[in-house]
Structure formats: structure tokens, C-alpha cells
Amino acid sequence: MTHSFNAVRVAHEAIAHVLGPSMVALDATAGNGYDTVFLAKRCRRVYAFDIQASALKKVQARLKKEALNNVMLIHDNHARVDKHLVEPFHVAMFNLGYLPNSDKSVKTEPHSTVRALKIVCDNVLEGGVITVICYRGHAGGNEETEAVQTFINTLDSNVFLIRKYGACAHKNTPLTIVIHKTLNGGLYDGS
């Protein structure tokens, strides 16, 4: 029996153990809102970014259906995350590429994604977790994945622990990167 790799499930499982009701989270790429809802059900506040107003309308509808009112929707590029956050955050999620069933020319770009990741890594609280799902199978996906990997290779290994899932799979399989910001030389265990 074979199991297919599910990048979103891997990201959710990697981040779930640090989430708690007093925490603040960042969804850097709100898209259809699945990560936003996942975070909103487990955190005090979520900041959700998307460059497409139509995506944010879908997220808003999904949040209303779930009766969640702890999300601040931000219509802006995730590269400007530092212009909008007003409080420290514990976790961040990036689900790169384009919005499914929409204009594929509107997608995350290497330069803005790397800028956003740098800001997030510099500002996530100790013990926090950042997940990044890179899609390699679309136009520009490999370049963005390479840019993300080049950036994470510059992170201080005494501060950040990095795990990759799906790296050895088929070249079109998504790559899930989990970045743990250490807490006094160790990892936060959720307690």
C-alpha cells in the first residue's frame, strides 16, 4: 500500500504541536483559507495576507461559515508583513505558488517570498515554527524553490533547525520546509 505525500498535512502536523489559544499566527499566503482556518481554530489571533482581493473574499466567507472572528485579513504582498504586524507572533505558514482555479500568472515570486521569509525568521518568537510549502511543478516554481532553499541555507544553525519533506520525491512533488526557531538551544515542546 502506498501513501501519497500530502504537503499541507505535513505542514499542519509540524506546526500543530506549538499552537495554543494565547498565540498569534501569520498566514503569509491566505489563498483559499485552509491554513487560515486551521490557525484561527487554534490561536488567539491570525494575520492572513494575500495579494488578491478575490482570495480574501473566499477566506472571509470560509471564516464566517466557521464562525471565526479572530483573523485580520490583509490585502498586501507578504513581503510587506513588517508593515502590518503589531504584535509578536509564534508561528507562520507559507503555501507558495498560485491560487488554485484562478489566474496562474498571479503567483508568489522568489524575491518577495525570500524578503517575507527573512522578515518572518527575524521576528518569529523563540520556540516558534515556520512552514513553507514550495510547489516545483508550475512555471517559476523551481526558481522560487531554489531561492527559498538558498535563503534557508543562510540561517544560523545554532538558532534555526530546518527539516525538509518531499525533497527526494519526484521533481514535481511539493517540498515542505519546516523551520524551528530554537528556544535557548532547544525546541518548544508545546507544554
N, C-alpha and C. Protein backbone atom coordinates (compact mmCIF):
# COMPACT_ATOMS: atom_id res chain seq x y z
N MET A 1 0.85 -1.18 0.00
CA MET A 1 0.00 0.00 0.00
C MET A 1 0.89 1.24 0.00
N THR A 2 0.67 2.16 -0.90
CA THR A 2 1.47 3.38 -0.96
C THR A 2 0.65 4.55 -0.45
N HIS A 3 1.36 5.46 0.16
CA HIS A 3 0.72 6.68 0.66
C HIS A 3 1.30 7.86 -0.11
N SER A 4 0.45 8.70 -0.65
CA SER A 4 0.96 9.87 -1.36
C SER A 4 1.37 10.93 -0.34
N PHE A 5 2.32 11.71 -0.74
CA PHE A 5 2.83 12.79 0.09
C PHE A 5 1.82 13.93 0.09
N ASN A 6 1.41 14.39 1.24
CA ASN A 6 0.47 15.50 1.36
C ASN A 6 1.18 16.65 2.06
N ALA A 7 1.62 17.62 1.28
CA ALA A 7 2.42 18.72 1.80
C ALA A 7 1.68 19.53 2.86
N VAL A 8 0.40 19.79 2.65
CA VAL A 8 -0.37 20.58 3.61
C VAL A 8 -0.51 19.83 4.93
N ARG A 9 -0.80 18.54 4.86
CA ARG A 9 -0.91 17.76 6.10
C ARG A 9 0.41 17.77 6.87
N VAL A 10 1.52 17.62 6.16
CA VAL A 10 2.83 17.66 6.81
C VAL A 10 3.03 19.01 7.50
N ALA A 11 2.70 20.09 6.83
CA ALA A 11 2.86 21.43 7.41
C ALA A 11 1.97 21.59 8.64
N HIS A 12 0.72 21.15 8.56
CA HIS A 12 -0.20 21.27 9.70
C HIS A 12 0.30 20.43 10.88
N GLU A 13 0.74 19.22 10.63
CA GLU A 13 1.24 18.37 11.71
C GLU A 13 2.50 18.98 12.33
N ALA A 14 3.36 19.58 11.53
CA ALA A 14 4.60 20.15 12.05
C ALA A 14 4.35 21.36 12.93
N ILE A 15 3.28 22.09 12.66
CA ILE A 15 3.03 23.32 13.39
C ILE A 15 2.03 23.13 14.55
N ALA A 16 1.22 22.10 14.48
CA ALA A 16 0.13 21.90 15.45
C ALA A 16 0.64 21.79 16.88
N HIS A 17 1.79 21.16 17.08
CA HIS A 17 2.26 20.93 18.45
C HIS A 17 2.69 22.19 19.18
N VAL A 18 2.90 23.30 18.48
CA VAL A 18 3.27 24.53 19.18
C VAL A 18 2.12 25.50 19.32
N LEU A 19 0.99 25.22 18.68
CA LEU A 19 -0.14 26.15 18.71
C LEU A 19 -0.88 26.10 20.04
N GLY A 20 -1.37 27.25 20.47
CA GLY A 20 -2.14 27.32 21.70
C GLY A 20 -3.06 28.52 21.67
N PRO A 21 -4.07 28.55 22.54
CA PRO A 21 -5.11 29.58 22.48
C PRO A 21 -4.64 31.00 22.77
N SER A 22 -3.45 31.18 23.31
CA SER A 22 -2.96 32.54 23.57
C SER A 22 -2.01 33.03 22.48
N MET A 23 -1.79 32.23 21.46
CA MET A 23 -0.76 32.53 20.47
C MET A 23 -1.28 33.36 19.29
N VAL A 24 -0.31 33.96 18.62
CA VAL A 24 -0.57 34.76 17.42
C VAL A 24 0.11 34.05 16.25
N ALA A 25 -0.60 33.98 15.12
CA ALA A 25 -0.08 33.28 13.95
C ALA A 25 -0.16 34.18 12.72
N LEU A 26 0.64 33.81 11.74
CA LEU A 26 0.69 34.52 10.47
C LEU A 26 0.46 33.53 9.35
N ASP A 27 -0.51 33.82 8.49
CA ASP A 27 -0.68 33.07 7.25
C ASP A 27 -0.24 34.02 6.15
N ALA A 28 0.97 33.78 5.64
CA ALA A 28 1.58 34.70 4.68
C ALA A 28 0.97 34.61 3.29
N THR A 29 0.20 33.55 3.04
CA THR A 29 -0.41 33.32 1.73
C THR A 29 -1.79 32.72 1.95
N ALA A 30 -2.77 33.54 2.22
CA ALA A 30 -4.09 33.07 2.64
C ALA A 30 -4.78 32.18 1.61
N GLY A 31 -4.66 32.52 0.33
CA GLY A 31 -5.23 31.67 -0.72
C GLY A 31 -6.69 31.36 -0.52
N ASN A 32 -7.02 30.07 -0.45
CA ASN A 32 -8.40 29.64 -0.24
C ASN A 32 -8.80 29.61 1.23
N GLY A 33 -7.87 29.85 2.12
CA GLY A 33 -8.18 29.99 3.53
C GLY A 33 -8.05 28.75 4.39
N TYR A 34 -7.59 27.64 3.85
CA TYR A 34 -7.49 26.42 4.64
C TYR A 34 -6.49 26.56 5.79
N ASP A 35 -5.33 27.14 5.51
CA ASP A 35 -4.36 27.35 6.58
C ASP A 35 -4.86 28.41 7.56
N THR A 36 -5.52 29.43 7.05
CA THR A 36 -6.06 30.48 7.91
C THR A 36 -7.05 29.90 8.91
N VAL A 37 -7.96 29.08 8.43
CA VAL A 37 -8.95 28.46 9.33
C VAL A 37 -8.26 27.52 10.31
N PHE A 38 -7.32 26.72 9.83
CA PHE A 38 -6.56 25.82 10.70
C PHE A 38 -5.92 26.61 11.85
N LEU A 39 -5.30 27.72 11.55
CA LEU A 39 -4.65 28.54 12.57
C LEU A 39 -5.68 29.23 13.47
N ALA A 40 -6.75 29.76 12.88
CA ALA A 40 -7.75 30.51 13.65
C ALA A 40 -8.45 29.65 14.68
N LYS A 41 -8.60 28.37 14.40
CA LYS A 41 -9.23 27.46 15.36
C LYS A 41 -8.33 27.16 16.55
N ARG A 42 -7.04 27.48 16.44
CA ARG A 42 -6.08 27.08 17.47
C ARG A 42 -5.34 28.24 18.12
N CYS A 43 -5.53 29.46 17.61
CA CYS A 43 -4.78 30.62 18.09
C CYS A 43 -5.70 31.77 18.48
N ARG A 44 -5.14 32.70 19.22
CA ARG A 44 -5.90 33.89 19.64
C ARG A 44 -6.13 34.84 18.48
N ARG A 45 -5.09 35.02 17.66
CA ARG A 45 -5.18 35.98 16.56
C ARG A 45 -4.39 35.44 15.37
N VAL A 46 -4.92 35.68 14.16
CA VAL A 46 -4.24 35.30 12.93
C VAL A 46 -4.21 36.51 12.01
N TYR A 47 -3.05 36.78 11.45
CA TYR A 47 -2.88 37.78 10.41
C TYR A 47 -2.74 37.03 9.10
N ALA A 48 -3.66 37.24 8.17
CA ALA A 48 -3.67 36.49 6.91
C ALA A 48 -3.49 37.46 5.74
N PHE A 49 -2.45 37.22 4.95
CA PHE A 49 -2.09 38.07 3.81
C PHE A 49 -2.45 37.41 2.50
N ASP A 50 -2.88 38.22 1.54
CA ASP A 50 -2.97 37.77 0.16
C ASP A 50 -2.97 39.00 -0.73
N ILE A 51 -2.39 38.83 -1.93
CA ILE A 51 -2.33 39.96 -2.87
C ILE A 51 -3.59 40.05 -3.72
N GLN A 52 -4.46 39.04 -3.62
CA GLN A 52 -5.68 39.02 -4.42
C GLN A 52 -6.91 39.27 -3.54
N ALA A 53 -7.64 40.31 -3.87
CA ALA A 53 -8.86 40.62 -3.13
C ALA A 53 -9.85 39.46 -3.23
N SER A 54 -9.90 38.81 -4.38
CA SER A 54 -10.84 37.69 -4.56
C SER A 54 -10.51 36.54 -3.61
N ALA A 55 -9.25 36.31 -3.35
CA ALA A 55 -8.86 35.27 -2.40
C ALA A 55 -9.32 35.63 -1.00
N LEU A 56 -9.13 36.89 -0.62
CA LEU A 56 -9.52 37.31 0.72
C LEU A 56 -11.04 37.23 0.91
N LYS A 57 -11.81 37.45 -0.15
CA LYS A 57 -13.27 37.29 -0.06
C LYS A 57 -13.63 35.83 0.21
N LYS A 58 -12.93 34.90 -0.44
CA LYS A 58 -13.15 33.47 -0.18
C LYS A 58 -12.80 33.12 1.25
N VAL A 59 -11.68 33.66 1.73
CA VAL A 59 -11.25 33.38 3.10
C VAL A 59 -12.29 33.94 4.07
N GLN A 60 -12.74 35.15 3.81
CA GLN A 60 -13.74 35.77 4.69
C GLN A 60 -15.01 34.93 4.76
N ALA A 61 -15.46 34.41 3.62
CA ALA A 61 -16.65 33.56 3.60
C ALA A 61 -16.41 32.27 4.39
N ARG A 62 -15.23 31.70 4.25
CA ARG A 62 -14.90 30.47 4.97
C ARG A 62 -14.85 30.72 6.48
N LEU A 63 -14.29 31.86 6.87
CA LEU A 63 -14.23 32.21 8.29
C LEU A 63 -15.63 32.43 8.87
N LYS A 64 -16.49 33.08 8.10
CA LYS A 64 -17.87 33.31 8.55
C LYS A 64 -18.60 31.99 8.73
N LYS A 65 -18.42 31.08 7.77
CA LYS A 65 -19.06 29.76 7.86
C LYS A 65 -18.60 29.00 9.10
N GLU A 66 -17.35 29.18 9.48
CA GLU A 66 -16.78 28.51 10.66
C GLU A 66 -17.00 29.31 11.95
N ALA A 67 -17.63 30.48 11.84
CA ALA A 67 -17.88 31.37 12.99
C ALA A 67 -16.58 31.77 13.68
N LEU A 68 -15.59 32.10 12.88
CA LEU A 68 -14.29 32.53 13.40
C LEU A 68 -14.14 34.03 13.15
N ASN A 69 -13.84 34.77 14.21
CA ASN A 69 -13.71 36.22 14.08
C ASN A 69 -12.40 36.74 14.65
N ASN A 70 -11.38 35.90 14.69
CA ASN A 70 -10.09 36.29 15.25
C ASN A 70 -9.00 36.45 14.19
N VAL A 71 -9.42 36.76 12.96
CA VAL A 71 -8.48 36.87 11.84
C VAL A 71 -8.51 38.29 11.28
N MET A 72 -7.33 38.84 11.09
CA MET A 72 -7.20 40.13 10.41
C MET A 72 -6.75 39.83 8.99
N LEU A 73 -7.61 40.10 8.02
CA LEU A 73 -7.30 39.88 6.61
C LEU A 73 -6.58 41.11 6.07
N ILE A 74 -5.44 40.87 5.41
CA ILE A 74 -4.61 41.97 4.93
C ILE A 74 -4.38 41.81 3.43
N HIS A 75 -4.86 42.79 2.67
CA HIS A 75 -4.71 42.78 1.22
C HIS A 75 -3.38 43.45 0.87
N ASP A 76 -2.33 42.63 0.87
CA ASP A 76 -0.99 43.14 0.58
C ASP A 76 -0.08 41.96 0.30
N ASN A 77 1.07 42.27 -0.27
CA ASN A 77 2.09 41.27 -0.53
C ASN A 77 2.74 40.85 0.78
N HIS A 78 3.02 39.57 0.92
CA HIS A 78 3.64 39.10 2.16
C HIS A 78 5.03 39.71 2.39
N ALA A 79 5.63 40.26 1.36
CA ALA A 79 6.92 40.93 1.51
C ALA A 79 6.82 42.18 2.37
N ARG A 80 5.59 42.64 2.61
CA ARG A 80 5.37 43.83 3.45
C ARG A 80 4.78 43.46 4.81
N VAL A 81 5.02 42.24 5.23
CA VAL A 81 4.48 41.75 6.50
C VAL A 81 4.87 42.66 7.66
N ASP A 82 6.06 43.20 7.63
CA ASP A 82 6.53 44.05 8.72
C ASP A 82 5.74 45.36 8.83
N LYS A 83 5.03 45.74 7.80
CA LYS A 83 4.24 46.98 7.82
C LYS A 83 2.88 46.79 8.51
N HIS A 84 2.51 45.55 8.77
CA HIS A 84 1.16 45.28 9.27
C HIS A 84 1.11 44.62 10.64
N LEU A 85 2.14 43.93 11.03
CA LEU A 85 2.08 43.21 12.30
C LEU A 85 2.29 44.17 13.46
N VAL A 86 1.42 44.08 14.43
CA VAL A 86 1.50 44.98 15.58
C VAL A 86 1.77 44.23 16.87
N GLU A 87 2.00 42.94 16.78
CA GLU A 87 2.29 42.16 17.97
C GLU A 87 3.19 40.98 17.59
N PRO A 88 3.93 40.45 18.56
CA PRO A 88 4.80 39.31 18.29
C PRO A 88 3.99 38.09 17.87
N PHE A 89 4.60 37.23 17.04
CA PHE A 89 3.88 36.04 16.58
C PHE A 89 4.72 34.79 16.82
N HIS A 90 4.03 33.68 16.95
CA HIS A 90 4.64 32.40 17.32
C HIS A 90 4.85 31.45 16.16
N VAL A 91 3.98 31.53 15.15
CA VAL A 91 4.05 30.62 14.01
C VAL A 91 3.71 31.37 12.73
N ALA A 92 4.20 30.82 11.62
CA ALA A 92 3.88 31.39 10.31
C ALA A 92 3.80 30.27 9.29
N MET A 93 2.91 30.44 8.34
CA MET A 93 2.74 29.45 7.27
C MET A 93 2.81 30.15 5.92
N PHE A 94 3.55 29.53 5.00
CA PHE A 94 3.65 29.97 3.62
C PHE A 94 3.23 28.79 2.75
N ASN A 95 2.28 29.00 1.85
CA ASN A 95 1.87 27.99 0.88
C ASN A 95 2.02 28.67 -0.47
N LEU A 96 3.17 28.46 -1.10
CA LEU A 96 3.58 29.25 -2.26
C LEU A 96 2.88 28.82 -3.55
N GLY A 97 3.16 29.58 -4.61
CA GLY A 97 2.60 29.28 -5.91
C GLY A 97 1.43 30.19 -6.24
N TYR A 98 0.44 29.63 -6.90
CA TYR A 98 -0.73 30.39 -7.32
C TYR A 98 -1.99 29.83 -6.66
N LEU A 99 -3.03 30.62 -6.65
CA LEU A 99 -4.31 30.21 -6.10
C LEU A 99 -4.96 29.20 -7.04
N PRO A 100 -5.25 28.00 -6.57
CA PRO A 100 -5.89 27.00 -7.45
C PRO A 100 -7.17 27.55 -8.09
N ASN A 101 -7.40 27.15 -9.31
CA ASN A 101 -8.58 27.56 -10.08
C ASN A 101 -8.67 29.07 -10.27
N SER A 102 -7.52 29.70 -10.43
CA SER A 102 -7.52 31.15 -10.67
C SER A 102 -6.45 31.47 -11.72
N ASP A 103 -6.16 32.73 -11.86
CA ASP A 103 -5.16 33.21 -12.82
C ASP A 103 -3.78 32.73 -12.38
N LYS A 104 -3.19 31.82 -13.15
CA LYS A 104 -1.90 31.23 -12.78
C LYS A 104 -0.74 32.21 -12.96
N SER A 105 -0.99 33.34 -13.60
CA SER A 105 0.08 34.33 -13.73
C SER A 105 0.26 35.13 -12.45
N VAL A 106 -0.74 35.10 -11.57
CA VAL A 106 -0.64 35.77 -10.28
C VAL A 106 -0.17 34.72 -9.28
N LYS A 107 1.09 34.82 -8.90
CA LYS A 107 1.68 33.81 -8.01
C LYS A 107 2.75 34.45 -7.15
N THR A 108 3.16 33.72 -6.15
CA THR A 108 4.26 34.21 -5.33
C THR A 108 5.52 34.24 -6.18
N GLU A 109 6.40 35.14 -5.84
CA GLU A 109 7.64 35.35 -6.62
C GLU A 109 8.85 35.17 -5.71
N PRO A 110 9.96 34.67 -6.25
CA PRO A 110 11.14 34.41 -5.43
C PRO A 110 11.60 35.59 -4.58
N HIS A 111 11.71 36.78 -5.18
CA HIS A 111 12.26 37.92 -4.43
C HIS A 111 11.35 38.34 -3.26
N SER A 112 10.04 38.37 -3.50
CA SER A 112 9.14 38.79 -2.42
C SER A 112 8.99 37.70 -1.36
N THR A 113 9.04 36.45 -1.79
CA THR A 113 8.95 35.35 -0.82
C THR A 113 10.17 35.33 0.08
N VAL A 114 11.36 35.48 -0.50
CA VAL A 114 12.58 35.49 0.31
C VAL A 114 12.58 36.69 1.26
N ARG A 115 12.13 37.84 0.78
CA ARG A 115 12.06 39.01 1.67
C ARG A 115 11.11 38.73 2.84
N ALA A 116 9.95 38.16 2.53
CA ALA A 116 8.98 37.84 3.58
C ALA A 116 9.55 36.83 4.57
N LEU A 117 10.21 35.79 4.05
CA LEU A 117 10.81 34.79 4.93
C LEU A 117 11.86 35.39 5.85
N LYS A 118 12.67 36.29 5.32
CA LYS A 118 13.69 36.94 6.15
C LYS A 118 13.03 37.72 7.28
N ILE A 119 12.01 38.49 6.96
CA ILE A 119 11.30 39.26 7.99
C ILE A 119 10.70 38.33 9.04
N VAL A 120 10.05 37.27 8.58
CA VAL A 120 9.40 36.33 9.49
C VAL A 120 10.44 35.62 10.38
N CYS A 121 11.52 35.15 9.78
CA CYS A 121 12.56 34.47 10.58
C CYS A 121 13.18 35.42 11.60
N ASP A 122 13.35 36.68 11.24
CA ASP A 122 13.92 37.66 12.16
C ASP A 122 12.96 37.99 13.30
N ASN A 123 11.66 37.83 13.08
CA ASN A 123 10.68 38.31 14.06
C ASN A 123 9.87 37.24 14.77
N VAL A 124 9.87 36.00 14.29
CA VAL A 124 9.12 34.96 14.98
C VAL A 124 9.73 34.77 16.37
N LEU A 125 8.88 34.53 17.34
CA LEU A 125 9.35 34.35 18.71
C LEU A 125 10.16 33.08 18.85
N GLU A 126 11.06 33.06 19.83
CA GLU A 126 11.82 31.84 20.12
C GLU A 126 10.85 30.71 20.42
N GLY A 127 11.17 29.53 19.90
CA GLY A 127 10.29 28.39 20.06
C GLY A 127 9.23 28.30 18.98
N GLY A 128 9.22 29.28 18.09
CA GLY A 128 8.23 29.33 17.04
C GLY A 128 8.57 28.42 15.87
N VAL A 129 7.57 28.23 15.00
CA VAL A 129 7.73 27.36 13.83
C VAL A 129 7.21 28.09 12.60
N ILE A 130 7.94 27.91 11.50
CA ILE A 130 7.55 28.47 10.21
C ILE A 130 7.48 27.30 9.23
N THR A 131 6.40 27.21 8.49
CA THR A 131 6.31 26.18 7.45
C THR A 131 6.23 26.85 6.09
N VAL A 132 6.88 26.23 5.12
CA VAL A 132 6.90 26.74 3.75
C VAL A 132 6.64 25.58 2.81
N ILE A 133 5.57 25.67 2.04
CA ILE A 133 5.30 24.66 1.02
C ILE A 133 5.66 25.27 -0.32
N CYS A 134 6.63 24.64 -0.99
CA CYS A 134 7.09 25.08 -2.31
C CYS A 134 6.55 24.12 -3.36
N TYR A 135 5.94 24.66 -4.39
CA TYR A 135 5.43 23.85 -5.49
C TYR A 135 6.39 23.97 -6.67
N ARG A 136 6.97 22.85 -7.04
CA ARG A 136 8.00 22.86 -8.08
C ARG A 136 7.45 22.59 -9.47
N GLY A 137 6.19 22.23 -9.60
CA GLY A 137 5.65 21.76 -10.87
C GLY A 137 5.01 22.81 -11.75
N HIS A 138 5.09 24.08 -11.42
CA HIS A 138 4.49 25.12 -12.27
C HIS A 138 5.58 26.07 -12.75
N ALA A 139 5.25 26.88 -13.72
CA ALA A 139 6.21 27.85 -14.26
C ALA A 139 6.70 28.77 -13.16
N GLY A 140 8.00 28.78 -12.94
CA GLY A 140 8.59 29.60 -11.89
C GLY A 140 8.70 28.90 -10.56
N GLY A 141 8.08 27.76 -10.42
CA GLY A 141 8.10 27.04 -9.14
C GLY A 141 9.47 26.55 -8.74
N ASN A 142 10.23 26.02 -9.68
CA ASN A 142 11.58 25.55 -9.37
C ASN A 142 12.48 26.70 -8.94
N GLU A 143 12.36 27.84 -9.63
CA GLU A 143 13.17 29.00 -9.29
C GLU A 143 12.84 29.52 -7.89
N GLU A 144 11.56 29.54 -7.56
CA GLU A 144 11.18 30.00 -6.23
C GLU A 144 11.66 29.02 -5.17
N THR A 145 11.53 27.73 -5.44
CA THR A 145 12.00 26.71 -4.51
C THR A 145 13.50 26.85 -4.28
N GLU A 146 14.25 27.05 -5.35
CA GLU A 146 15.70 27.23 -5.22
C GLU A 146 16.03 28.48 -4.41
N ALA A 147 15.30 29.58 -4.63
CA ALA A 147 15.54 30.82 -3.89
C ALA A 147 15.25 30.61 -2.40
N VAL A 148 14.17 29.90 -2.09
CA VAL A 148 13.84 29.62 -0.69
C VAL A 148 14.93 28.77 -0.05
N GLN A 149 15.37 27.73 -0.75
CA GLN A 149 16.40 26.86 -0.19
C GLN A 149 17.73 27.60 -0.02
N THR A 150 18.07 28.46 -0.97
CA THR A 150 19.29 29.27 -0.83
C THR A 150 19.19 30.15 0.41
N PHE A 151 18.03 30.77 0.61
CA PHE A 151 17.85 31.60 1.80
C PHE A 151 17.96 30.79 3.09
N ILE A 152 17.25 29.67 3.18
CA ILE A 152 17.28 28.93 4.45
C ILE A 152 18.67 28.37 4.75
N ASN A 153 19.48 28.18 3.71
CA ASN A 153 20.85 27.74 3.93
C ASN A 153 21.71 28.81 4.58
N THR A 154 21.24 30.07 4.58
CA THR A 154 21.98 31.16 5.23
C THR A 154 21.60 31.32 6.70
N LEU A 155 20.55 30.63 7.15
CA LEU A 155 20.11 30.77 8.53
C LEU A 155 21.11 30.15 9.49
N ASP A 156 21.28 30.77 10.63
CA ASP A 156 22.21 30.30 11.66
C ASP A 156 21.72 28.97 12.23
N SER A 157 22.51 27.92 12.07
CA SER A 157 22.10 26.58 12.53
C SER A 157 22.08 26.48 14.05
N ASN A 158 22.62 27.47 14.76
CA ASN A 158 22.51 27.50 16.22
C ASN A 158 21.18 28.08 16.67
N VAL A 159 20.48 28.71 15.75
CA VAL A 159 19.20 29.35 16.07
C VAL A 159 18.03 28.63 15.40
N PHE A 160 18.25 28.10 14.20
CA PHE A 160 17.17 27.50 13.43
C PHE A 160 17.46 26.04 13.12
N LEU A 161 16.47 25.20 13.35
CA LEU A 161 16.53 23.80 12.95
C LEU A 161 15.60 23.65 11.74
N ILE A 162 16.13 23.10 10.66
CA ILE A 162 15.37 23.02 9.41
C ILE A 162 15.17 21.57 9.03
N ARG A 163 13.92 21.23 8.68
CA ARG A 163 13.59 19.90 8.17
C ARG A 163 12.89 20.07 6.83
N LYS A 164 13.18 19.14 5.93
CA LYS A 164 12.55 19.16 4.60
C LYS A 164 11.83 17.84 4.38
N TYR A 165 10.64 17.93 3.81
CA TYR A 165 9.84 16.74 3.50
C TYR A 165 9.46 16.79 2.03
N GLY A 166 9.66 15.69 1.34
CA GLY A 166 9.34 15.62 -0.08
C GLY A 166 10.51 15.97 -0.96
N ALA A 167 11.67 16.24 -0.37
CA ALA A 167 12.84 16.67 -1.14
C ALA A 167 13.34 15.59 -2.10
N CYS A 168 13.21 14.34 -1.72
CA CYS A 168 13.72 13.25 -2.55
C CYS A 168 12.66 12.69 -3.49
N ALA A 169 11.46 13.22 -3.40
CA ALA A 169 10.37 12.72 -4.24
C ALA A 169 10.50 13.25 -5.66
N HIS A 170 9.57 12.90 -6.50
CA HIS A 170 9.53 13.37 -7.90
C HIS A 170 9.71 14.88 -7.96
N LYS A 171 10.35 15.36 -9.01
CA LYS A 171 10.66 16.79 -9.11
C LYS A 171 9.43 17.69 -9.09
N ASN A 172 8.25 17.17 -9.38
CA ASN A 172 7.03 17.98 -9.34
C ASN A 172 6.29 17.86 -8.01
N THR A 173 6.80 17.03 -7.10
CA THR A 173 6.18 16.88 -5.78
C THR A 173 6.47 18.14 -4.96
N PRO A 174 5.49 18.64 -4.23
CA PRO A 174 5.76 19.80 -3.38
C PRO A 174 6.84 19.48 -2.35
N LEU A 175 7.55 20.51 -1.96
CA LEU A 175 8.56 20.42 -0.91
C LEU A 175 8.03 21.18 0.30
N THR A 176 7.97 20.52 1.44
CA THR A 176 7.55 21.18 2.68
C THR A 176 8.78 21.40 3.53
N ILE A 177 9.01 22.65 3.88
CA ILE A 177 10.15 23.02 4.73
C ILE A 177 9.59 23.48 6.06
N VAL A 178 10.14 22.94 7.14
CA VAL A 178 9.73 23.31 8.49
C VAL A 178 10.94 23.94 9.18
N ILE A 179 10.77 25.16 9.64
CA ILE A 179 11.84 25.91 10.29
C ILE A 179 11.45 26.12 11.75
N HIS A 180 12.22 25.56 12.66
CA HIS A 180 12.00 25.74 14.10
C HIS A 180 13.00 26.78 14.60
N LYS A 181 12.52 27.81 15.26
CA LYS A 181 13.42 28.76 15.91
C LYS A 181 13.65 28.25 17.32
N THR A 182 14.87 27.91 17.62
CA THR A 182 15.16 27.25 18.89
C THR A 182 14.88 28.15 20.08
N LEU A 183 14.66 27.51 21.18
CA LEU A 183 14.35 28.19 22.44
C LEU A 183 15.48 27.86 23.40
N ASN A 184 16.40 28.80 23.58
CA ASN A 184 17.55 28.57 24.44
C ASN A 184 18.27 27.28 24.09
N GLY A 185 18.49 27.08 22.80
CA GLY A 185 19.22 25.89 22.36
C GLY A 185 18.38 24.64 22.22
N GLY A 186 17.09 24.71 22.50
CA GLY A 186 16.22 23.54 22.37
C GLY A 186 14.94 23.91 21.65
N LEU A 187 14.06 22.96 21.52
CA LEU A 187 12.79 23.20 20.84
C LEU A 187 11.65 23.31 21.83
N TYR A 188 10.67 24.09 21.48
CA TYR A 188 9.46 24.22 22.28
C TYR A 188 8.64 22.94 22.13
N ASP A 189 8.22 22.36 23.24
CA ASP A 189 7.50 21.09 23.17
C ASP A 189 5.99 21.23 23.35
N GLY A 190 5.51 22.47 23.39
CA GLY A 190 4.08 22.70 23.50
C GLY A 190 3.54 22.73 24.92
N SER A 191 4.38 22.48 25.91
CA SER A 191 3.88 22.48 27.29
C SER A 191 4.07 23.82 27.96
